[in-house]
Amino acid sequence: MVILFDRFHLPEDIFEVIFATKQQKIVGKLLICEMKEHSGELTKSEMSLFATRLHEGKLIAEIDEPEFKGKVVKLSYNKRQFYDRILTPMKSMGMVDYDMYDRKYRISKNFKKSMFEVGIMWDREADKPAQKLNIKIKK
């Protein structure tokens, strides 16, 4: 996943930085809320149940989007896309960890560590001397 952001106009909501669409942002936020309601973790079965409820349109939630403020909304999101576009990117970025032995998904703070490492990588790149490139211009 690629994160593009404008440092002068960072949104208040981290999910707006992470996800490309409003729908992905809503589903990602709901997933983290669901995990928080279960002490920051979900078993593999609970995660599957969450994804199935979303897929079948049986997930009812009050979301904090301006156009839905104070309304209870029925949400629907394709199960395969949930795993491909929400859970897998959150795992790969370090926002969610999966423990294969306990078969549990947990909220993780590794995302912060990874972003710090990206910052260090940029410091190293910025400090490197100029590299001579052989650029040829066609006429």
N, C-alpha and C. Protein backbone atom coordinates (compact mmCIF):
# COMPACT_ATOMS: atom_id res chain seq x y z
N MET A 1 0.85 -1.18 0.00
CA MET A 1 0.00 0.00 0.00
C MET A 1 0.89 1.24 0.00
N VAL A 2 0.46 2.24 -0.70
CA VAL A 2 1.19 3.50 -0.79
C VAL A 2 0.41 4.57 -0.04
N ILE A 3 1.09 5.30 0.80
CA ILE A 3 0.46 6.39 1.54
C ILE A 3 0.95 7.70 0.93
N LEU A 4 0.03 8.50 0.43
CA LEU A 4 0.35 9.82 -0.07
C LEU A 4 -0.36 10.84 0.81
N PHE A 5 0.38 11.84 1.25
CA PHE A 5 -0.25 12.85 2.10
C PHE A 5 0.42 14.20 1.89
N ASP A 6 -0.29 15.22 2.25
CA ASP A 6 0.19 16.60 2.19
C ASP A 6 0.49 17.01 3.62
N ARG A 7 1.75 17.20 3.95
CA ARG A 7 2.11 17.48 5.34
C ARG A 7 1.54 18.81 5.85
N PHE A 8 1.16 19.70 4.92
CA PHE A 8 0.58 20.98 5.33
C PHE A 8 -0.93 20.88 5.55
N HIS A 9 -1.53 19.79 5.09
CA HIS A 9 -2.97 19.60 5.25
C HIS A 9 -3.28 18.19 5.74
N LEU A 10 -2.61 17.78 6.79
CA LEU A 10 -2.86 16.46 7.35
C LEU A 10 -4.25 16.43 7.98
N PRO A 11 -5.02 15.41 7.64
CA PRO A 11 -6.35 15.31 8.26
C PRO A 11 -6.22 14.92 9.74
N GLU A 12 -7.25 15.17 10.50
CA GLU A 12 -7.28 14.80 11.91
C GLU A 12 -7.34 13.29 12.09
N ASP A 13 -7.97 12.62 11.15
CA ASP A 13 -8.25 11.19 11.23
C ASP A 13 -7.18 10.37 10.52
N ILE A 14 -6.48 9.50 11.24
CA ILE A 14 -5.43 8.67 10.66
C ILE A 14 -5.96 7.80 9.53
N PHE A 15 -7.22 7.40 9.61
CA PHE A 15 -7.79 6.54 8.59
C PHE A 15 -7.91 7.25 7.24
N GLU A 16 -8.00 8.58 7.25
CA GLU A 16 -8.01 9.34 6.01
C GLU A 16 -6.63 9.37 5.36
N VAL A 17 -5.61 9.21 6.15
CA VAL A 17 -4.25 9.15 5.61
C VAL A 17 -3.99 7.76 5.03
N ILE A 18 -4.47 6.74 5.69
CA ILE A 18 -4.19 5.36 5.32
C ILE A 18 -5.00 4.87 4.13
N PHE A 19 -6.28 5.17 4.09
CA PHE A 19 -7.16 4.60 3.07
C PHE A 19 -7.52 5.60 1.99
N ALA A 20 -7.70 5.08 0.77
CA ALA A 20 -7.95 5.91 -0.40
C ALA A 20 -9.39 6.38 -0.51
N THR A 21 -10.34 5.57 -0.05
CA THR A 21 -11.75 5.93 -0.23
C THR A 21 -12.44 6.10 1.12
N LYS A 22 -13.55 6.82 1.10
CA LYS A 22 -14.33 7.04 2.32
C LYS A 22 -14.86 5.72 2.86
N GLN A 23 -15.29 4.83 1.96
CA GLN A 23 -15.83 3.54 2.36
C GLN A 23 -14.75 2.71 3.07
N GLN A 24 -13.53 2.68 2.53
CA GLN A 24 -12.44 1.95 3.17
C GLN A 24 -12.13 2.55 4.53
N LYS A 25 -12.13 3.86 4.63
CA LYS A 25 -11.88 4.55 5.90
C LYS A 25 -12.91 4.13 6.95
N ILE A 26 -14.18 4.11 6.56
CA ILE A 26 -15.25 3.75 7.49
C ILE A 26 -15.08 2.31 7.96
N VAL A 27 -14.81 1.39 7.04
CA VAL A 27 -14.67 -0.02 7.39
C VAL A 27 -13.43 -0.24 8.25
N GLY A 28 -12.32 0.41 7.92
CA GLY A 28 -11.10 0.29 8.73
C GLY A 28 -11.32 0.78 10.15
N LYS A 29 -12.01 1.90 10.27
CA LYS A 29 -12.30 2.46 11.59
C LYS A 29 -13.22 1.53 12.39
N LEU A 30 -14.23 0.97 11.70
CA LEU A 30 -15.13 0.03 12.38
C LEU A 30 -14.40 -1.21 12.87
N LEU A 31 -13.46 -1.69 12.05
CA LEU A 31 -12.68 -2.86 12.46
C LEU A 31 -11.91 -2.56 13.75
N ILE A 32 -11.23 -1.43 13.80
CA ILE A 32 -10.46 -1.07 15.00
C ILE A 32 -11.40 -0.89 16.20
N CYS A 33 -12.56 -0.29 15.99
CA CYS A 33 -13.55 -0.15 17.08
C CYS A 33 -14.00 -1.51 17.58
N GLU A 34 -14.25 -2.43 16.65
CA GLU A 34 -14.66 -3.79 17.03
C GLU A 34 -13.56 -4.47 17.85
N MET A 35 -12.32 -4.29 17.43
CA MET A 35 -11.19 -4.89 18.15
C MET A 35 -11.07 -4.27 19.55
N LYS A 36 -11.24 -2.95 19.64
CA LYS A 36 -11.16 -2.28 20.93
C LYS A 36 -12.25 -2.78 21.89
N GLU A 37 -13.42 -3.07 21.35
CA GLU A 37 -14.52 -3.59 22.19
C GLU A 37 -14.21 -5.00 22.71
N HIS A 38 -13.26 -5.67 22.08
CA HIS A 38 -12.85 -7.02 22.52
C HIS A 38 -11.42 -6.98 23.07
N SER A 39 -11.13 -5.97 23.86
CA SER A 39 -9.82 -5.80 24.52
C SER A 39 -8.67 -5.71 23.52
N GLY A 40 -8.91 -5.15 22.35
CA GLY A 40 -7.85 -4.92 21.38
C GLY A 40 -7.49 -6.12 20.53
N GLU A 41 -8.32 -7.17 20.57
CA GLU A 41 -8.02 -8.36 19.78
C GLU A 41 -9.28 -9.09 19.34
N LEU A 42 -9.17 -9.80 18.23
CA LEU A 42 -10.25 -10.65 17.74
C LEU A 42 -9.65 -12.00 17.36
N THR A 43 -10.36 -13.06 17.67
CA THR A 43 -9.91 -14.37 17.21
C THR A 43 -10.14 -14.45 15.70
N LYS A 44 -9.56 -15.45 15.10
CA LYS A 44 -9.73 -15.65 13.66
C LYS A 44 -11.22 -15.83 13.34
N SER A 45 -11.93 -16.56 14.18
CA SER A 45 -13.37 -16.79 13.98
C SER A 45 -14.16 -15.49 14.12
N GLU A 46 -13.81 -14.68 15.12
CA GLU A 46 -14.50 -13.41 15.31
C GLU A 46 -14.25 -12.46 14.13
N MET A 47 -13.02 -12.49 13.59
CA MET A 47 -12.70 -11.66 12.43
C MET A 47 -13.53 -12.11 11.23
N SER A 48 -13.62 -13.42 11.04
CA SER A 48 -14.41 -13.97 9.94
C SER A 48 -15.88 -13.60 10.10
N LEU A 49 -16.39 -13.66 11.32
CA LEU A 49 -17.78 -13.29 11.59
C LEU A 49 -18.01 -11.81 11.28
N PHE A 50 -17.07 -10.96 11.67
CA PHE A 50 -17.15 -9.53 11.37
C PHE A 50 -17.20 -9.31 9.85
N ALA A 51 -16.31 -9.97 9.12
CA ALA A 51 -16.25 -9.84 7.66
C ALA A 51 -17.52 -10.38 7.01
N THR A 52 -18.07 -11.46 7.54
CA THR A 52 -19.30 -12.05 7.00
C THR A 52 -20.49 -11.12 7.23
N ARG A 53 -20.58 -10.55 8.44
CA ARG A 53 -21.66 -9.60 8.73
C ARG A 53 -21.60 -8.40 7.79
N LEU A 54 -20.39 -7.92 7.54
CA LEU A 54 -20.20 -6.82 6.59
C LEU A 54 -20.66 -7.24 5.20
N HIS A 55 -20.22 -8.41 4.78
CA HIS A 55 -20.53 -8.92 3.44
C HIS A 55 -22.03 -9.07 3.23
N GLU A 56 -22.72 -9.54 4.24
CA GLU A 56 -24.16 -9.78 4.14
C GLU A 56 -24.99 -8.52 4.43
N GLY A 57 -24.33 -7.43 4.76
CA GLY A 57 -25.05 -6.19 5.05
C GLY A 57 -25.77 -6.22 6.38
N LYS A 58 -25.30 -7.04 7.29
CA LYS A 58 -25.95 -7.19 8.61
C LYS A 58 -25.26 -6.38 9.71
N LEU A 59 -24.24 -5.63 9.34
CA LEU A 59 -23.52 -4.83 10.33
C LEU A 59 -24.21 -3.47 10.44
N ILE A 60 -24.69 -3.16 11.62
CA ILE A 60 -25.39 -1.91 11.87
C ILE A 60 -24.55 -1.11 12.85
N ALA A 61 -24.24 0.13 12.47
CA ALA A 61 -23.37 0.95 13.32
C ALA A 61 -23.72 2.42 13.20
N GLU A 62 -23.34 3.16 14.23
CA GLU A 62 -23.45 4.62 14.18
C GLU A 62 -22.05 5.12 13.84
N ILE A 63 -21.92 5.76 12.68
CA ILE A 63 -20.60 6.21 12.25
C ILE A 63 -20.49 7.72 12.37
N ASP A 64 -19.25 8.21 12.48
CA ASP A 64 -19.05 9.64 12.75
C ASP A 64 -18.80 10.49 11.50
N GLU A 65 -19.25 10.02 10.35
CA GLU A 65 -19.16 10.82 9.13
C GLU A 65 -20.20 11.93 9.19
N PRO A 66 -19.85 13.15 8.74
CA PRO A 66 -20.79 14.28 8.85
C PRO A 66 -22.19 14.00 8.29
N GLU A 67 -22.26 13.33 7.13
CA GLU A 67 -23.59 13.10 6.53
C GLU A 67 -24.40 12.03 7.25
N PHE A 68 -23.75 11.26 8.14
CA PHE A 68 -24.45 10.20 8.87
C PHE A 68 -24.50 10.48 10.37
N LYS A 69 -24.07 11.65 10.79
CA LYS A 69 -23.96 12.00 12.21
C LYS A 69 -25.27 11.73 12.95
N GLY A 70 -25.19 10.91 13.98
CA GLY A 70 -26.34 10.61 14.81
C GLY A 70 -27.30 9.58 14.23
N LYS A 71 -26.96 9.03 13.06
CA LYS A 71 -27.84 8.04 12.43
C LYS A 71 -27.22 6.65 12.53
N VAL A 72 -28.08 5.65 12.69
CA VAL A 72 -27.65 4.26 12.69
C VAL A 72 -27.74 3.78 11.25
N VAL A 73 -26.62 3.23 10.73
CA VAL A 73 -26.53 2.88 9.32
C VAL A 73 -26.23 1.39 9.16
N LYS A 74 -26.87 0.78 8.17
CA LYS A 74 -26.60 -0.61 7.81
C LYS A 74 -25.45 -0.58 6.80
N LEU A 75 -24.37 -1.30 7.10
CA LEU A 75 -23.19 -1.26 6.24
C LEU A 75 -22.97 -2.58 5.51
N SER A 76 -22.42 -2.46 4.30
CA SER A 76 -22.13 -3.63 3.49
C SER A 76 -20.78 -3.44 2.82
N TYR A 77 -19.95 -4.49 2.84
CA TYR A 77 -18.64 -4.45 2.20
C TYR A 77 -18.26 -5.87 1.82
N ASN A 78 -17.81 -6.07 0.60
CA ASN A 78 -17.45 -7.39 0.10
C ASN A 78 -16.38 -8.04 0.98
N LYS A 79 -16.60 -9.31 1.35
CA LYS A 79 -15.70 -10.01 2.27
C LYS A 79 -14.28 -10.13 1.71
N ARG A 80 -14.14 -10.51 0.44
CA ARG A 80 -12.83 -10.65 -0.16
C ARG A 80 -12.10 -9.31 -0.20
N GLN A 81 -12.85 -8.25 -0.55
CA GLN A 81 -12.25 -6.92 -0.58
C GLN A 81 -11.89 -6.45 0.83
N PHE A 82 -12.65 -6.87 1.82
CA PHE A 82 -12.32 -6.53 3.21
C PHE A 82 -10.93 -7.06 3.55
N TYR A 83 -10.70 -8.33 3.22
CA TYR A 83 -9.39 -8.93 3.52
C TYR A 83 -8.29 -8.31 2.65
N ASP A 84 -8.58 -8.07 1.36
CA ASP A 84 -7.57 -7.55 0.44
C ASP A 84 -7.26 -6.07 0.63
N ARG A 85 -8.27 -5.27 0.92
CA ARG A 85 -8.09 -3.81 0.94
C ARG A 85 -8.09 -3.18 2.32
N ILE A 86 -8.51 -3.92 3.31
CA ILE A 86 -8.57 -3.37 4.67
C ILE A 86 -7.60 -4.12 5.60
N LEU A 87 -7.89 -5.40 5.85
CA LEU A 87 -7.13 -6.14 6.85
C LEU A 87 -5.68 -6.40 6.43
N THR A 88 -5.46 -6.88 5.22
CA THR A 88 -4.09 -7.18 4.78
C THR A 88 -3.20 -5.94 4.78
N PRO A 89 -3.65 -4.80 4.22
CA PRO A 89 -2.80 -3.61 4.31
C PRO A 89 -2.54 -3.16 5.75
N MET A 90 -3.55 -3.30 6.63
CA MET A 90 -3.35 -2.91 8.02
C MET A 90 -2.33 -3.82 8.70
N LYS A 91 -2.33 -5.10 8.32
CA LYS A 91 -1.33 -6.03 8.85
C LYS A 91 0.05 -5.68 8.31
N SER A 92 0.16 -5.44 7.02
CA SER A 92 1.47 -5.19 6.42
C SER A 92 2.08 -3.87 6.88
N MET A 93 1.23 -2.90 7.27
CA MET A 93 1.75 -1.62 7.76
C MET A 93 2.04 -1.65 9.26
N GLY A 94 1.64 -2.71 9.94
CA GLY A 94 1.91 -2.81 11.37
C GLY A 94 0.82 -2.22 12.25
N MET A 95 -0.36 -2.01 11.70
CA MET A 95 -1.47 -1.49 12.52
C MET A 95 -2.18 -2.63 13.25
N VAL A 96 -2.15 -3.81 12.63
CA VAL A 96 -2.75 -5.02 13.20
C VAL A 96 -1.74 -6.14 13.09
N ASP A 97 -1.59 -6.92 14.13
CA ASP A 97 -0.71 -8.10 14.12
C ASP A 97 -1.58 -9.35 14.19
N TYR A 98 -1.06 -10.44 13.61
CA TYR A 98 -1.75 -11.73 13.71
C TYR A 98 -0.81 -12.71 14.39
N ASP A 99 -1.29 -13.31 15.47
CA ASP A 99 -0.53 -14.32 16.20
C ASP A 99 -0.99 -15.69 15.71
N MET A 100 -0.12 -16.39 14.99
CA MET A 100 -0.49 -17.68 14.41
C MET A 100 -0.74 -18.75 15.46
N TYR A 101 -0.09 -18.65 16.60
CA TYR A 101 -0.26 -19.66 17.65
C TYR A 101 -1.59 -19.49 18.38
N ASP A 102 -1.90 -18.27 18.75
CA ASP A 102 -3.17 -17.99 19.43
C ASP A 102 -4.33 -17.82 18.45
N ARG A 103 -4.00 -17.65 17.18
CA ARG A 103 -4.99 -17.38 16.14
C ARG A 103 -5.82 -16.15 16.49
N LYS A 104 -5.10 -15.07 16.82
CA LYS A 104 -5.76 -13.82 17.19
C LYS A 104 -5.14 -12.65 16.44
N TYR A 105 -6.01 -11.73 16.06
CA TYR A 105 -5.58 -10.45 15.49
C TYR A 105 -5.55 -9.45 16.63
N ARG A 106 -4.50 -8.64 16.69
CA ARG A 106 -4.36 -7.66 17.77
C ARG A 106 -4.01 -6.29 17.19
N ILE A 107 -4.52 -5.24 17.83
CA ILE A 107 -4.12 -3.89 17.47
C ILE A 107 -2.64 -3.76 17.82
N SER A 108 -1.86 -3.20 16.92
CA SER A 108 -0.42 -3.11 17.10
C SER A 108 0.06 -1.67 16.97
N LYS A 109 1.16 -1.38 17.62
CA LYS A 109 1.78 -0.06 17.51
C LYS A 109 3.01 -0.10 16.61
N ASN A 110 3.18 -1.19 15.87
CA ASN A 110 4.34 -1.31 14.97
C ASN A 110 4.28 -0.31 13.83
N PHE A 111 3.10 0.21 13.51
CA PHE A 111 2.96 1.21 12.47
C PHE A 111 3.81 2.44 12.80
N LYS A 112 3.74 2.87 14.05
CA LYS A 112 4.52 4.03 14.50
C LYS A 112 6.02 3.77 14.32
N LYS A 113 6.46 2.57 14.70
CA LYS A 113 7.87 2.22 14.57
C LYS A 113 8.29 2.23 13.10
N SER A 114 7.42 1.71 12.23
CA SER A 114 7.73 1.67 10.80
C SER A 114 7.82 3.08 10.22
N MET A 115 6.92 3.96 10.63
CA MET A 115 6.96 5.34 10.13
C MET A 115 8.23 6.05 10.61
N PHE A 116 8.65 5.73 11.82
CA PHE A 116 9.90 6.29 12.34
C PHE A 116 11.07 5.81 11.49
N GLU A 117 11.08 4.51 11.13
CA GLU A 117 12.13 3.95 10.28
C GLU A 117 12.14 4.59 8.89
N VAL A 118 10.96 4.89 8.37
CA VAL A 118 10.87 5.57 7.07
C VAL A 118 11.51 6.95 7.17
N GLY A 119 11.26 7.64 8.26
CA GLY A 119 11.87 8.95 8.49
C GLY A 119 13.39 8.85 8.54
N ILE A 120 13.92 7.84 9.20
CA ILE A 120 15.38 7.63 9.27
C ILE A 120 15.93 7.32 7.88
N MET A 121 15.19 6.51 7.09
CA MET A 121 15.62 6.21 5.72
C MET A 121 15.73 7.50 4.90
N TRP A 122 14.77 8.40 5.09
CA TRP A 122 14.80 9.65 4.34
C TRP A 122 15.98 10.51 4.79
N ASP A 123 16.26 10.54 6.10
CA ASP A 123 17.42 11.29 6.59
C ASP A 123 18.70 10.80 5.92
N ARG A 124 18.86 9.49 5.83
CA ARG A 124 20.05 8.91 5.19
C ARG A 124 20.14 9.31 3.73
N GLU A 125 19.01 9.22 3.03
CA GLU A 125 18.98 9.57 1.60
C GLU A 125 19.30 11.05 1.39
N ALA A 126 18.72 11.90 2.22
CA ALA A 126 18.95 13.34 2.09
C ALA A 126 20.41 13.71 2.36
N ASP A 127 21.09 12.94 3.21
CA ASP A 127 22.49 13.21 3.56
C ASP A 127 23.50 12.63 2.59
N LYS A 128 23.06 11.75 1.69
CA LYS A 128 23.99 11.14 0.73
C LYS A 128 24.51 12.19 -0.23
N PRO A 129 25.77 12.02 -0.68
CA PRO A 129 26.29 12.95 -1.70
C PRO A 129 25.59 12.71 -3.04
N ALA A 130 25.68 13.70 -3.91
CA ALA A 130 25.06 13.59 -5.23
C ALA A 130 25.65 12.41 -5.99
N GLN A 131 24.81 11.75 -6.73
CA GLN A 131 25.24 10.58 -7.51
C GLN A 131 25.29 10.98 -8.97
N LYS A 132 26.37 10.64 -9.63
CA LYS A 132 26.54 10.97 -11.05
C LYS A 132 25.70 10.01 -11.87
N LEU A 133 24.77 10.54 -12.63
CA LEU A 133 23.93 9.74 -13.48
C LEU A 133 24.30 10.01 -14.95
N ASN A 134 24.34 8.98 -15.74
CA ASN A 134 24.61 9.14 -17.17
C ASN A 134 23.27 9.36 -17.87
N ILE A 135 22.95 10.61 -18.08
CA ILE A 135 21.69 10.96 -18.73
C ILE A 135 22.01 11.39 -20.16
N LYS A 136 21.34 10.77 -21.09
CA LYS A 136 21.52 11.13 -22.50
C LYS A 136 20.20 11.66 -23.03
N ILE A 137 20.29 12.77 -23.73
CA ILE A 137 19.09 13.38 -24.29
C ILE A 137 19.06 13.09 -25.78
N LYS A 138 17.96 12.48 -26.24
CA LYS A 138 17.80 12.18 -27.66
C LYS A 138 17.43 13.45 -28.41
N LYS A 139 17.97 13.54 -29.63
CA LYS A 139 17.64 14.72 -30.44
C LYS A 139 16.66 14.34 -31.51
